[in-house]
Amino acid sequence: MTKHKIYTMSFAKVYPHYIAKAERKGRTKEEVDTIIRWLTGYSQEELQEQLDKETDIETFFAEAPQLHPSRRLIKGVICGVRVEDIEEETMQNIRYLDKLIDELARGKAMEKILRTSS
């Protein structure tokens, strides 16, 4: 089975699209970074290092220091697929991030995006 094309893309290539989507809706790069750090466990310095190295997306998630256990609380549809039903872990993590950025762009409060409130 061949890998999905997104796995080999550089995270640094998609990162500006996350920021642009957020900024178009009045949100900030800092909020995007907060979401990425929450999901992956990277520090800001480690995130920047991954961007500078142009790490591919599969490696970006594989090397994540600590994928947040509450990511499993992320539910909903992204690209026509329910994120909770995705079986392949790397693809699910990619879609979790897509869903979180989508929630940010739709104006959801950060504490709700980061699943810190009930």
PDB file of N, CA and C in Angstrom:
ATOM      1  N   MET A   1       0.848  -1.187   0.000  1.00  0.00           N
ATOM      2  CA  MET A   1       0.000   0.000   0.000  1.00  0.00           C
ATOM      3  C   MET A   1       0.888   1.244   0.000  1.00  0.00           C
ATOM      4  N   THR A   2       0.633   2.173  -0.901  1.00  0.00           N
ATOM      5  CA  THR A   2       1.427   3.389  -0.953  1.00  0.00           C
ATOM      6  C   THR A   2       0.942   4.380   0.083  1.00  0.00           C
ATOM      7  N   LYS A   3       1.878   5.177   0.562  1.00  0.00           N
ATOM      8  CA  LYS A   3       1.549   6.198   1.552  1.00  0.00           C
ATOM      9  C   LYS A   3       0.748   7.318   0.907  1.00  0.00           C
ATOM     10  N   HIS A   4      -0.108   7.899   1.715  1.00  0.00           N
ATOM     11  CA  HIS A   4      -0.860   9.063   1.255  1.00  0.00           C
ATOM     12  C   HIS A   4       0.138  10.197   0.997  1.00  0.00           C
ATOM     13  N   LYS A   5      -0.101  10.954  -0.033  1.00  0.00           N
ATOM     14  CA  LYS A   5       0.793  12.042  -0.438  1.00  0.00           C
ATOM     15  C   LYS A   5       1.082  13.036   0.697  1.00  0.00           C
ATOM     16  N   ILE A   6       0.101  13.269   1.559  1.00  0.00           N
ATOM     17  CA  ILE A   6       0.290  14.257   2.622  1.00  0.00           C
ATOM     18  C   ILE A   6       1.396  13.847   3.595  1.00  0.00           C
ATOM     19  N   TYR A   7       1.633  12.547   3.761  1.00  0.00           N
ATOM     20  CA  TYR A   7       2.652  12.081   4.698  1.00  0.00           C
ATOM     21  C   TYR A   7       4.039  12.588   4.333  1.00  0.00           C
ATOM     22  N   THR A   8       4.305  12.733   3.048  1.00  0.00           N
ATOM     23  CA  THR A   8       5.646  13.129   2.606  1.00  0.00           C
ATOM     24  C   THR A   8       5.791  14.640   2.433  1.00  0.00           C
ATOM     25  N   MET A   9       4.703  15.369   2.611  1.00  0.00           N
ATOM     26  CA  MET A   9       4.774  16.827   2.510  1.00  0.00           C
ATOM     27  C   MET A   9       5.481  17.391   3.740  1.00  0.00           C
ATOM     28  N   SER A  10       6.197  18.469   3.534  1.00  0.00           N
ATOM     29  CA  SER A  10       6.858  19.139   4.650  1.00  0.00           C
ATOM     30  C   SER A  10       5.808  19.838   5.516  1.00  0.00           C
ATOM     31  N   PHE A  11       5.920  19.654   6.832  1.00  0.00           N
ATOM     32  CA  PHE A  11       5.002  20.355   7.738  1.00  0.00           C
ATOM     33  C   PHE A  11       5.138  21.867   7.550  1.00  0.00           C
ATOM     34  N   ALA A  12       6.349  22.313   7.243  1.00  0.00           N
ATOM     35  CA  ALA A  12       6.601  23.750   7.025  1.00  0.00           C
ATOM     36  C   ALA A  12       5.817  24.289   5.825  1.00  0.00           C
ATOM     37  N   LYS A  13       5.434  23.419   4.905  1.00  0.00           N
ATOM     38  CA  LYS A  13       4.658  23.850   3.733  1.00  0.00           C
ATOM     39  C   LYS A  13       3.172  24.026   4.052  1.00  0.00           C
ATOM     40  N   VAL A  14       2.639  23.240   4.982  1.00  0.00           N
ATOM     41  CA  VAL A  14       1.218  23.373   5.331  1.00  0.00           C
ATOM     42  C   VAL A  14       0.990  24.347   6.483  1.00  0.00           C
ATOM     43  N   TYR A  15       1.994  24.532   7.301  1.00  0.00           N
ATOM     44  CA  TYR A  15       1.904  25.428   8.462  1.00  0.00           C
ATOM     45  C   TYR A  15       1.409  26.830   8.094  1.00  0.00           C
ATOM     46  N   PRO A  16       1.945  27.479   7.050  1.00  0.00           N
ATOM     47  CA  PRO A  16       1.443  28.814   6.701  1.00  0.00           C
ATOM     48  C   PRO A  16      -0.041  28.819   6.323  1.00  0.00           C
ATOM     49  N   HIS A  17      -0.544  27.709   5.820  1.00  0.00           N
ATOM     50  CA  HIS A  17      -1.970  27.618   5.476  1.00  0.00           C
ATOM     51  C   HIS A  17      -2.833  27.596   6.734  1.00  0.00           C
ATOM     52  N   TYR A  18      -2.355  26.925   7.782  1.00  0.00           N
ATOM     53  CA  TYR A  18      -3.065  26.943   9.066  1.00  0.00           C
ATOM     54  C   TYR A  18      -3.128  28.374   9.602  1.00  0.00           C
ATOM     55  N   ILE A  19      -1.992  29.058   9.549  1.00  0.00           N
ATOM     56  CA  ILE A  19      -1.934  30.435  10.056  1.00  0.00           C
ATOM     57  C   ILE A  19      -2.846  31.346   9.230  1.00  0.00           C
ATOM     58  N   ALA A  20      -2.777  31.231   7.914  1.00  0.00           N
ATOM     59  CA  ALA A  20      -3.602  32.070   7.044  1.00  0.00           C
ATOM     60  C   ALA A  20      -5.085  31.847   7.311  1.00  0.00           C
ATOM     61  N   LYS A  21      -5.483  30.599   7.486  1.00  0.00           N
ATOM     62  CA  LYS A  21      -6.894  30.290   7.751  1.00  0.00           C
ATOM     63  C   LYS A  21      -7.337  30.961   9.052  1.00  0.00           C
ATOM     64  N   ALA A  22      -6.496  30.879  10.069  1.00  0.00           N
ATOM     65  CA  ALA A  22      -6.819  31.487  11.363  1.00  0.00           C
ATOM     66  C   ALA A  22      -6.865  33.010  11.259  1.00  0.00           C
ATOM     67  N   GLU A  23      -5.856  33.594  10.617  1.00  0.00           N
ATOM     68  CA  GLU A  23      -5.765  35.051  10.530  1.00  0.00           C
ATOM     69  C   GLU A  23      -6.897  35.657   9.707  1.00  0.00           C
ATOM     70  N   ARG A  24      -7.365  34.935   8.684  1.00  0.00           N
ATOM     71  CA  ARG A  24      -8.508  35.422   7.893  1.00  0.00           C
ATOM     72  C   ARG A  24      -9.743  35.605   8.764  1.00  0.00           C
ATOM     73  N   LYS A  25      -9.802  34.858   9.850  1.00  0.00           N
ATOM     74  CA  LYS A  25     -10.955  34.925  10.752  1.00  0.00           C
ATOM     75  C   LYS A  25     -10.638  35.679  12.040  1.00  0.00           C
ATOM     76  N   GLY A  26      -9.551  36.455  12.020  1.00  0.00           N
ATOM     77  CA  GLY A  26      -9.221  37.292  13.167  1.00  0.00           C
ATOM     78  C   GLY A  26      -8.502  36.588  14.303  1.00  0.00           C
ATOM     79  N   ARG A  27      -8.010  35.399  14.057  1.00  0.00           N
ATOM     80  CA  ARG A  27      -7.248  34.675  15.074  1.00  0.00           C
ATOM     81  C   ARG A  27      -5.759  34.873  14.794  1.00  0.00           C
ATOM     82  N   THR A  28      -4.894  34.316  15.649  1.00  0.00           N
ATOM     83  CA  THR A  28      -3.470  34.634  15.553  1.00  0.00           C
ATOM     84  C   THR A  28      -2.583  33.408  15.336  1.00  0.00           C
ATOM     85  N   LYS A  29      -1.363  33.683  14.868  1.00  0.00           N
ATOM     86  CA  LYS A  29      -0.335  32.653  14.727  1.00  0.00           C
ATOM     87  C   LYS A  29      -0.050  32.029  16.095  1.00  0.00           C
ATOM     88  N   GLU A  30      -0.047  32.845  17.137  1.00  0.00           N
ATOM     89  CA  GLU A  30       0.221  32.347  18.480  1.00  0.00           C
ATOM     90  C   GLU A  30      -0.826  31.314  18.899  1.00  0.00           C
ATOM     91  N   GLU A  31      -2.088  31.549  18.518  1.00  0.00           N
ATOM     92  CA  GLU A  31      -3.132  30.586  18.842  1.00  0.00           C
ATOM     93  C   GLU A  31      -2.928  29.285  18.054  1.00  0.00           C
ATOM     94  N   VAL A  32      -2.532  29.397  16.794  1.00  0.00           N
ATOM     95  CA  VAL A  32      -2.229  28.213  15.988  1.00  0.00           C
ATOM     96  C   VAL A  32      -1.092  27.430  16.644  1.00  0.00           C
ATOM     97  N   ASP A  33      -0.043  28.131  17.042  1.00  0.00           N
ATOM     98  CA  ASP A  33       1.096  27.463  17.691  1.00  0.00           C
ATOM     99  C   ASP A  33       0.672  26.788  18.997  1.00  0.00           C
ATOM    100  N   THR A  34      -0.183  27.454  19.761  1.00  0.00           N
ATOM    101  CA  THR A  34      -0.678  26.877  21.017  1.00  0.00           C
ATOM    102  C   THR A  34      -1.405  25.567  20.748  1.00  0.00           C
ATOM    103  N   ILE A  35      -2.238  25.547  19.717  1.00  0.00           N
ATOM    104  CA  ILE A  35      -2.972  24.329  19.351  1.00  0.00           C
ATOM    105  C   ILE A  35      -2.004  23.225  18.942  1.00  0.00           C
ATOM    106  N   ILE A  36      -1.029  23.553  18.109  1.00  0.00           N
ATOM    107  CA  ILE A  36      -0.061  22.545  17.654  1.00  0.00           C
ATOM    108  C   ILE A  36       0.733  22.011  18.838  1.00  0.00           C
ATOM    109  N   ARG A  37       1.175  22.901  19.725  1.00  0.00           N
ATOM    110  CA  ARG A  37       1.935  22.459  20.904  1.00  0.00           C
ATOM    111  C   ARG A  37       1.082  21.594  21.821  1.00  0.00           C
ATOM    112  N   TRP A  38      -0.184  21.961  21.994  1.00  0.00           N
ATOM    113  CA  TRP A  38      -1.092  21.161  22.837  1.00  0.00           C
ATOM    114  C   TRP A  38      -1.252  19.754  22.259  1.00  0.00           C
ATOM    115  N   LEU A  39      -1.479  19.674  20.961  1.00  0.00           N
ATOM    116  CA  LEU A  39      -1.726  18.381  20.325  1.00  0.00           C
ATOM    117  C   LEU A  39      -0.487  17.487  20.330  1.00  0.00           C
ATOM    118  N   THR A  40       0.684  18.071  20.087  1.00  0.00           N
ATOM    119  CA  THR A  40       1.896  17.276  19.855  1.00  0.00           C
ATOM    120  C   THR A  40       2.857  17.183  21.033  1.00  0.00           C
ATOM    121  N   GLY A  41       2.800  18.142  21.932  1.00  0.00           N
ATOM    122  CA  GLY A  41       3.753  18.165  23.042  1.00  0.00           C
ATOM    123  C   GLY A  41       5.061  18.860  22.712  1.00  0.00           C
ATOM    124  N   TYR A  42       5.196  19.366  21.483  1.00  0.00           N
ATOM    125  CA  TYR A  42       6.400  20.131  21.139  1.00  0.00           C
ATOM    126  C   TYR A  42       6.420  21.434  21.926  1.00  0.00           C
ATOM    127  N   SER A  43       7.615  21.873  22.337  1.00  0.00           N
ATOM    128  CA  SER A  43       7.781  23.226  22.872  1.00  0.00           C
ATOM    129  C   SER A  43       7.813  24.175  21.667  1.00  0.00           C
ATOM    130  N   GLN A  44       7.754  25.472  21.915  1.00  0.00           N
ATOM    131  CA  GLN A  44       7.809  26.424  20.802  1.00  0.00           C
ATOM    132  C   GLN A  44       9.140  26.279  20.051  1.00  0.00           C
ATOM    133  N   GLU A  45      10.219  26.062  20.791  1.00  0.00           N
ATOM    134  CA  GLU A  45      11.531  25.904  20.165  1.00  0.00           C
ATOM    135  C   GLU A  45      11.586  24.634  19.322  1.00  0.00           C
ATOM    136  N   GLU A  46      11.031  23.546  19.845  1.00  0.00           N
ATOM    137  CA  GLU A  46      11.016  22.283  19.096  1.00  0.00           C
ATOM    138  C   GLU A  46      10.138  22.390  17.851  1.00  0.00           C
ATOM    139  N   LEU A  47       9.020  23.099  17.971  1.00  0.00           N
ATOM    140  CA  LEU A  47       8.159  23.319  16.814  1.00  0.00           C
ATOM    141  C   LEU A  47       8.914  24.090  15.742  1.00  0.00           C
ATOM    142  N   GLN A  48       9.601  25.144  16.152  1.00  0.00           N
ATOM    143  CA  GLN A  48      10.368  25.943  15.192  1.00  0.00           C
ATOM    144  C   GLN A  48      11.474  25.106  14.545  1.00  0.00           C
ATOM    145  N   GLU A  49      12.090  24.245  15.332  1.00  0.00           N
ATOM    146  CA  GLU A  49      13.137  23.364  14.797  1.00  0.00           C
ATOM    147  C   GLU A  49      12.570  22.426  13.718  1.00  0.00           C
ATOM    148  N   GLN A  50      11.394  21.872  13.971  1.00  0.00           N
ATOM    149  CA  GLN A  50      10.749  21.005  12.982  1.00  0.00           C
ATOM    150  C   GLN A  50      10.432  21.778  11.699  1.00  0.00           C
ATOM    151  N   LEU A  51       9.991  23.023  11.864  1.00  0.00           N
ATOM    152  CA  LEU A  51       9.699  23.866  10.701  1.00  0.00           C
ATOM    153  C   LEU A  51      10.980  24.174   9.933  1.00  0.00           C
ATOM    154  N   ASP A  52      12.037  24.518  10.657  1.00  0.00           N
ATOM    155  CA  ASP A  52      13.318  24.851  10.018  1.00  0.00           C
ATOM    156  C   ASP A  52      13.901  23.646   9.267  1.00  0.00           C
ATOM    157  N   LYS A  53      13.725  22.453   9.817  1.00  0.00           N
ATOM    158  CA  LYS A  53      14.244  21.235   9.182  1.00  0.00           C
ATOM    159  C   LYS A  53      13.360  20.768   8.026  1.00  0.00           C
ATOM    160  N   GLU A  54      12.182  21.381   7.901  1.00  0.00           N
ATOM    161  CA  GLU A  54      11.194  20.979   6.889  1.00  0.00           C
ATOM    162  C   GLU A  54      10.859  19.494   7.001  1.00  0.00           C
ATOM    163  N   THR A  55      10.648  19.073   8.240  1.00  0.00           N
ATOM    164  CA  THR A  55      10.285  17.696   8.544  1.00  0.00           C
ATOM    165  C   THR A  55       8.984  17.327   7.829  1.00  0.00           C
ATOM    166  N   ASP A  56       8.936  16.113   7.287  1.00  0.00           N
ATOM    167  CA  ASP A  56       7.684  15.698   6.637  1.00  0.00           C
ATOM    168  C   ASP A  56       6.621  15.447   7.710  1.00  0.00           C
ATOM    169  N   ILE A  57       5.379  15.480   7.290  1.00  0.00           N
ATOM    170  CA  ILE A  57       4.261  15.405   8.233  1.00  0.00           C
ATOM    171  C   ILE A  57       4.250  14.086   9.000  1.00  0.00           C
ATOM    172  N   GLU A  58       4.549  12.993   8.327  1.00  0.00           N
ATOM    173  CA  GLU A  58       4.562  11.700   9.019  1.00  0.00           C
ATOM    174  C   GLU A  58       5.597  11.708  10.147  1.00  0.00           C
ATOM    175  N   THR A  59       6.791  12.209   9.867  1.00  0.00           N
ATOM    176  CA  THR A  59       7.848  12.286  10.882  1.00  0.00           C
ATOM    177  C   THR A  59       7.484  13.282  11.973  1.00  0.00           C
ATOM    178  N   PHE A  60       6.875  14.400  11.579  1.00  0.00           N
ATOM    179  CA  PHE A  60       6.449  15.429  12.537  1.00  0.00           C
ATOM    180  C   PHE A  60       5.582  14.802  13.627  1.00  0.00           C
ATOM    181  N   PHE A  61       4.612  13.991  13.230  1.00  0.00           N
ATOM    182  CA  PHE A  61       3.744  13.354  14.225  1.00  0.00           C
ATOM    183  C   PHE A  61       4.428  12.176  14.900  1.00  0.00           C
ATOM    184  N   ALA A  62       5.248  11.431  14.179  1.00  0.00           N
ATOM    185  CA  ALA A  62       5.948  10.284  14.766  1.00  0.00           C
ATOM    186  C   ALA A  62       6.924  10.729  15.857  1.00  0.00           C
ATOM    187  N   GLU A  63       7.545  11.898  15.683  1.00  0.00           N
ATOM    188  CA  GLU A  63       8.524  12.405  16.645  1.00  0.00           C
ATOM    189  C   GLU A  63       7.908  13.317  17.700  1.00  0.00           C
ATOM    190  N   ALA A  64       6.604  13.504  17.645  1.00  0.00           N
ATOM    191  CA  ALA A  64       5.943  14.378  18.631  1.00  0.00           C
ATOM    192  C   ALA A  64       6.255  13.882  20.040  1.00  0.00           C
ATOM    193  N   PRO A  65       6.715  14.782  20.899  1.00  0.00           N
ATOM    194  CA  PRO A  65       7.109  14.363  22.243  1.00  0.00           C
ATOM    195  C   PRO A  65       5.994  13.677  23.040  1.00  0.00           C
ATOM    196  N   GLN A  66       4.773  14.193  22.947  1.00  0.00           N
ATOM    197  CA  GLN A  66       3.676  13.632  23.734  1.00  0.00           C
ATOM    198  C   GLN A  66       2.355  14.034  23.104  1.00  0.00           C
ATOM    199  N   LEU A  67       1.790  13.151  22.298  1.00  0.00           N
ATOM    200  CA  LEU A  67       0.469  13.447  21.738  1.00  0.00           C
ATOM    201  C   LEU A  67      -0.524  13.515  22.891  1.00  0.00           C
ATOM    202  N   HIS A  68      -1.297  14.592  22.911  1.00  0.00           N
ATOM    203  CA  HIS A  68      -2.193  14.842  24.045  1.00  0.00           C
ATOM    204  C   HIS A  68      -3.258  13.760  24.165  1.00  0.00           C
ATOM    205  N   PRO A  69      -3.399  13.172  25.365  1.00  0.00           N
ATOM    206  CA  PRO A  69      -4.400  12.113  25.525  1.00  0.00           C
ATOM    207  C   PRO A  69      -5.833  12.600  25.260  1.00  0.00           C
ATOM    208  N   SER A  70      -6.109  13.872  25.499  1.00  0.00           N
ATOM    209  CA  SER A  70      -7.456  14.409  25.271  1.00  0.00           C
ATOM    210  C   SER A  70      -7.779  14.612  23.797  1.00  0.00           C
ATOM    211  N   ARG A  71      -6.818  14.341  22.903  1.00  0.00           N
ATOM    212  CA  ARG A  71      -7.109  14.473  21.474  1.00  0.00           C
ATOM    213  C   ARG A  71      -8.224  13.523  21.070  1.00  0.00           C
ATOM    214  N   ARG A  72      -8.391  12.454  21.822  1.00  0.00           N
ATOM    215  CA  ARG A  72      -9.449  11.480  21.524  1.00  0.00           C
ATOM    216  C   ARG A  72     -10.849  12.081  21.734  1.00  0.00           C
ATOM    217  N   LEU A  73     -10.916  13.220  22.436  1.00  0.00           N
ATOM    218  CA  LEU A  73     -12.201  13.902  22.640  1.00  0.00           C
ATOM    219  C   LEU A  73     -12.618  14.716  21.418  1.00  0.00           C
ATOM    220  N   ILE A  74     -11.724  14.865  20.453  1.00  0.00           N
ATOM    221  CA  ILE A  74     -12.024  15.628  19.246  1.00  0.00           C
ATOM    222  C   ILE A  74     -12.956  14.795  18.375  1.00  0.00           C
ATOM    223  N   LYS A  75     -14.106  15.369  18.092  1.00  0.00           N
ATOM    224  CA  LYS A  75     -15.120  14.675  17.292  1.00  0.00           C
ATOM    225  C   LYS A  75     -15.555  15.594  16.162  1.00  0.00           C
ATOM    226  N   GLY A  76     -16.131  15.001  15.148  1.00  0.00           N
ATOM    227  CA  GLY A  76     -16.699  15.805  14.080  1.00  0.00           C
ATOM    228  C   GLY A  76     -16.176  15.400  12.720  1.00  0.00           C
ATOM    229  N   VAL A  77     -16.595  16.177  11.728  1.00  0.00           N
ATOM    230  CA  VAL A  77     -16.287  15.858  10.337  1.00  0.00           C
ATOM    231  C   VAL A  77     -15.281  16.864   9.791  1.00  0.00           C
ATOM    232  N   ILE A  78     -14.277  16.340   9.120  1.00  0.00           N
ATOM    233  CA  ILE A  78     -13.312  17.176   8.403  1.00  0.00           C
ATOM    234  C   ILE A  78     -13.070  16.485   7.064  1.00  0.00           C
ATOM    235  N   CYS A  79     -13.139  17.231   6.003  1.00  0.00           N
ATOM    236  CA  CYS A  79     -12.987  16.675   4.649  1.00  0.00           C
ATOM    237  C   CYS A  79     -13.976  15.527   4.402  1.00  0.00           C
ATOM    238  N   GLY A  80     -15.171  15.639   4.975  1.00  0.00           N
ATOM    239  CA  GLY A  80     -16.210  14.652   4.745  1.00  0.00           C
ATOM    240  C   GLY A  80     -16.056  13.352   5.516  1.00  0.00           C
ATOM    241  N   VAL A  81     -15.103  13.301   6.442  1.00  0.00           N
ATOM    242  CA  VAL A  81     -14.837  12.069   7.197  1.00  0.00           C
ATOM    243  C   VAL A  81     -14.895  12.384   8.691  1.00  0.00           C
ATOM    244  N   ARG A  82     -15.527  11.513   9.449  1.00  0.00           N
ATOM    245  CA  ARG A  82     -15.564  11.683  10.909  1.00  0.00           C
ATOM    246  C   ARG A  82     -14.173  11.364  11.470  1.00  0.00           C
ATOM    247  N   VAL A  83     -13.571  12.319  12.164  1.00  0.00           N
ATOM    248  CA  VAL A  83     -12.201  12.119  12.661  1.00  0.00           C
ATOM    249  C   VAL A  83     -12.096  10.960  13.640  1.00  0.00           C
ATOM    250  N   GLU A  84     -13.144  10.738  14.410  1.00  0.00           N
ATOM    251  CA  GLU A  84     -13.093   9.650  15.391  1.00  0.00           C
ATOM    252  C   GLU A  84     -13.150   8.269  14.745  1.00  0.00           C
ATOM    253  N   ASP A  85     -13.542   8.211  13.472  1.00  0.00           N
ATOM    254  CA  ASP A  85     -13.643   6.927  12.769  1.00  0.00           C
ATOM    255  C   ASP A  85     -12.411   6.582  11.934  1.00  0.00           C
ATOM    256  N   ILE A  86     -11.445   7.480  11.855  1.00  0.00           N
ATOM    257  CA  ILE A  86     -10.235   7.224  11.066  1.00  0.00           C
ATOM    258  C   ILE A  86      -9.388   6.190  11.803  1.00  0.00           C
ATOM    259  N   GLU A  87      -9.059   5.121  11.122  1.00  0.00           N
ATOM    260  CA  GLU A  87      -8.337   4.023  11.773  1.00  0.00           C
ATOM    261  C   GLU A  87      -6.824   4.209  11.769  1.00  0.00           C
ATOM    262  N   GLU A  88      -6.280   4.801  10.722  1.00  0.00           N
ATOM    263  CA  GLU A  88      -4.830   4.967  10.619  1.00  0.00           C
ATOM    264  C   GLU A  88      -4.416   6.140  11.514  1.00  0.00           C
ATOM    265  N   GLU A  89      -3.543   5.867  12.491  1.00  0.00           N
ATOM    266  CA  GLU A  89      -3.231   6.848  13.538  1.00  0.00           C
ATOM    267  C   GLU A  89      -2.627   8.143  13.010  1.00  0.00           C
ATOM    268  N   THR A  90      -1.678   8.060  12.088  1.00  0.00           N
ATOM    269  CA  THR A  90      -1.059   9.282  11.575  1.00  0.00           C
ATOM    270  C   THR A  90      -2.096  10.147  10.871  1.00  0.00           C
ATOM    271  N   MET A  91      -2.924   9.541  10.037  1.00  0.00           N
ATOM    272  CA  MET A  91      -3.965  10.305   9.343  1.00  0.00           C
ATOM    273  C   MET A  91      -4.948  10.894  10.350  1.00  0.00           C
ATOM    274  N   GLN A  92      -5.272  10.146  11.376  1.00  0.00           N
ATOM    275  CA  GLN A  92      -6.182  10.657  12.394  1.00  0.00           C
ATOM    276  C   GLN A  92      -5.580  11.875  13.093  1.00  0.00           C
ATOM    277  N   ASN A  93      -4.294  11.827  13.413  1.00  0.00           N
ATOM    278  CA  ASN A  93      -3.643  12.961  14.059  1.00  0.00           C
ATOM    279  C   ASN A  93      -3.612  14.181  13.138  1.00  0.00           C
ATOM    280  N   ILE A  94      -3.371  13.954  11.860  1.00  0.00           N
ATOM    281  CA  ILE A  94      -3.402  15.056  10.884  1.00  0.00           C
ATOM    282  C   ILE A  94      -4.792  15.684  10.876  1.00  0.00           C
ATOM    283  N   ARG A  95      -5.809  14.863  10.835  1.00  0.00           N
ATOM    284  CA  ARG A  95      -7.193  15.364  10.797  1.00  0.00           C
ATOM    285  C   ARG A  95      -7.605  16.001  12.117  1.00  0.00           C
ATOM    286  N   TYR A  96      -7.068  15.505  13.243  1.00  0.00           N
ATOM    287  CA  TYR A  96      -7.308  16.179  14.518  1.00  0.00           C
ATOM    288  C   TYR A  96      -6.809  17.623  14.430  1.00  0.00           C
ATOM    289  N   LEU A  97      -5.600  17.796  13.922  1.00  0.00           N
ATOM    290  CA  LEU A  97      -5.047  19.142  13.803  1.00  0.00           C
ATOM    291  C   LEU A  97      -5.900  19.988  12.863  1.00  0.00           C
ATOM    292  N   ASP A  98      -6.297  19.420  11.731  1.00  0.00           N
ATOM    293  CA  ASP A  98      -7.181  20.149  10.805  1.00  0.00           C
ATOM    294  C   ASP A  98      -8.455  20.596  11.516  1.00  0.00           C
ATOM    295  N   LYS A  99      -9.036  19.711  12.287  1.00  0.00           N
ATOM    296  CA  LYS A  99     -10.294  20.001  12.994  1.00  0.00           C
ATOM    297  C   LYS A  99     -10.088  21.103  14.024  1.00  0.00           C
ATOM    298  N   LEU A 100      -8.982  21.055  14.756  1.00  0.00           N
ATOM    299  CA  LEU A 100      -8.703  22.084  15.763  1.00  0.00           C
ATOM    300  C   LEU A 100      -8.526  23.454  15.115  1.00  0.00           C
ATOM    301  N   ILE A 101      -7.804  23.507  14.001  1.00  0.00           N
ATOM    302  CA  ILE A 101      -7.604  24.776  13.291  1.00  0.00           C
ATOM    303  C   ILE A 101      -8.939  25.273  12.743  1.00  0.00           C
ATOM    304  N   ASP A 102      -9.767  24.368  12.273  1.00  0.00           N
ATOM    305  CA  ASP A 102     -11.104  24.724  11.787  1.00  0.00           C
ATOM    306  C   ASP A 102     -11.935  25.332  12.918  1.00  0.00           C
ATOM    307  N   GLU A 103     -11.879  24.722  14.091  1.00  0.00           N
ATOM    308  CA  GLU A 103     -12.613  25.250  15.245  1.00  0.00           C
ATOM    309  C   GLU A 103     -12.111  26.646  15.608  1.00  0.00           C
ATOM    310  N   LEU A 104     -10.803  26.848  15.554  1.00  0.00           N
ATOM    311  CA  LEU A 104     -10.216  28.155  15.831  1.00  0.00           C
ATOM    312  C   LEU A 104     -10.750  29.191  14.840  1.00  0.00           C
ATOM    313  N   ALA A 105     -10.726  28.852  13.569  1.00  0.00           N
ATOM    314  CA  ALA A 105     -11.179  29.772  12.523  1.00  0.00           C
ATOM    315  C   ALA A 105     -12.671  30.078  12.644  1.00  0.00           C
ATOM    316  N   ARG A 106     -13.428  29.171  13.217  1.00  0.00           N
ATOM    317  CA  ARG A 106     -14.860  29.406  13.395  1.00  0.00           C
ATOM    318  C   ARG A 106     -15.168  30.190  14.658  1.00  0.00           C
ATOM    319  N   GLY A 107     -14.126  30.591  15.405  1.00  0.00           N
ATOM    320  CA  GLY A 107     -14.331  31.458  16.555  1.00  0.00           C
ATOM    321  C   GLY A 107     -14.537  30.761  17.881  1.00  0.00           C
ATOM    322  N   LYS A 108     -14.311  29.479  17.937  1.00  0.00           N
ATOM    323  CA  LYS A 108     -14.470  28.731  19.182  1.00  0.00           C
ATOM    324  C   LYS A 108     -13.435  29.214  20.207  1.00  0.00           C
ATOM    325  N   ALA A 109     -13.811  29.230  21.471  1.00  0.00           N
ATOM    326  CA  ALA A 109     -12.901  29.651  22.536  1.00  0.00           C
ATOM    327  C   ALA A 109     -11.761  28.652  22.693  1.00  0.00           C
ATOM    328  N   MET A 110     -10.567  29.166  22.993  1.00  0.00           N
ATOM    329  CA  MET A 110      -9.386  28.294  23.120  1.00  0.00           C
ATOM    330  C   MET A 110      -9.579  27.187  24.163  1.00  0.00           C
ATOM    331  N   GLU A 111     -10.213  27.499  25.302  1.00  0.00           N
ATOM    332  CA  GLU A 111     -10.378  26.447  26.323  1.00  0.00           C
ATOM    333  C   GLU A 111     -11.274  25.313  25.817  1.00  0.00           C
ATOM    334  N   LYS A 112     -12.195  25.618  24.924  1.00  0.00           N
ATOM    335  CA  LYS A 112     -13.026  24.565  24.332  1.00  0.00           C
ATOM    336  C   LYS A 112     -12.237  23.794  23.266  1.00  0.00           C
ATOM    337  N   ILE A 113     -11.459  24.520  22.462  1.00  0.00           N
ATOM    338  CA  ILE A 113     -10.635  23.862  21.442  1.00  0.00           C
ATOM    339  C   ILE A 113      -9.660  22.884  22.090  1.00  0.00           C
ATOM    340  N   LEU A 114      -9.058  23.311  23.199  1.00  0.00           N
ATOM    341  CA  LEU A 114      -8.054  22.487  23.870  1.00  0.00           C
ATOM    342  C   LEU A 114      -8.676  21.509  24.877  1.00  0.00           C
ATOM    343  N   ARG A 115      -9.990  21.403  24.810  1.00  0.00           N
ATOM    344  CA  ARG A 115     -10.723  20.427  25.642  1.00  0.00           C
ATOM    345  C   ARG A 115     -10.377  20.550  27.116  1.00  0.00           C
ATOM    346  N   THR A 116     -10.264  21.819  27.600  1.00  0.00           N
ATOM    347  CA  THR A 116      -9.945  22.019  29.020  1.00  0.00           C
ATOM    348  C   THR A 116     -11.170  22.363  29.841  1.00  0.00           C
ATOM    349  N   SER A 117     -12.303  22.614  29.175  1.00  0.00           N
ATOM    350  CA  SER A 117     -13.534  22.877  29.930  1.00  0.00           C
ATOM    351  C   SER A 117     -14.537  21.774  29.622  1.00  0.00           C
ATOM    352  N   SER A 118     -15.432  21.561  30.540  1.00  0.00           N
ATOM    353  CA  SER A 118     -16.402  20.481  30.349  1.00  0.00           C
ATOM    354  C   SER A 118     -17.601  20.918  29.548  1.00  0.00           C
TER     355      SER A 118
END
